[in-house]
Amino acid sequence: MFNIGDRVVYPMHGAGVIEAIEEKEILGVRNQYYVMKLPVGDMKVMIPTDSVMRVGLREVIGKEMVGEVFKVLRNHNGRMPANWNRRYRDHLEKIKSGDILEVAEVVRNLTLRDREKGLSTGERKMLESARQILTSELLLVQGIDPAEIIQTLEEIFGDYPG
């Protein structure tokens, strides 16, 4: 069970802070919900407390993992299927996992692909979403200005071939 003030990651949405735990009646069923504020996009989401395991809600990574994230981003040897449909499904599964290292792989792979050959509209949207998810967690872990995170990512991407 999480508490108010906990920093958590909601797969497919990103990282945020639990601002409240509220009881609501929806469609005649009373349930408790975590009210989570996402720093990127200034959005709030409500997550039923009894579905935390199913949706994959987890604590944000520790500072010691940030280096691992940047190592994944700096590794230019990512492998992707040539078939766009398979590549899209593989990347979607990685984002759904909620694992920051897998999300970092998606950001790296799609950024490299964009530099080399360009992206389809669907993959471009996926890249934007994955970058937002990655950025939101790094923001909460490092406690720095969003512009600094974006600048660090841009420096890493500047080293990509293309």
Foldseek 3Di string as FASTA:
>chain_A
DDDFQFWKAQFLQAIFTFHDWDWDADPNDIFIWGWTAFPVPRDIDTHTPVCCVVRVIDGFDAPVCVVVLLVLLLDQPQDADPDVVRRLVCLVVLSSNRDLNSLSNLLNVLLLCCQVPRDDPSSVVSNVSSVSRNLRSVCVNVVDDSVVVVVVSVVSSVPHDD
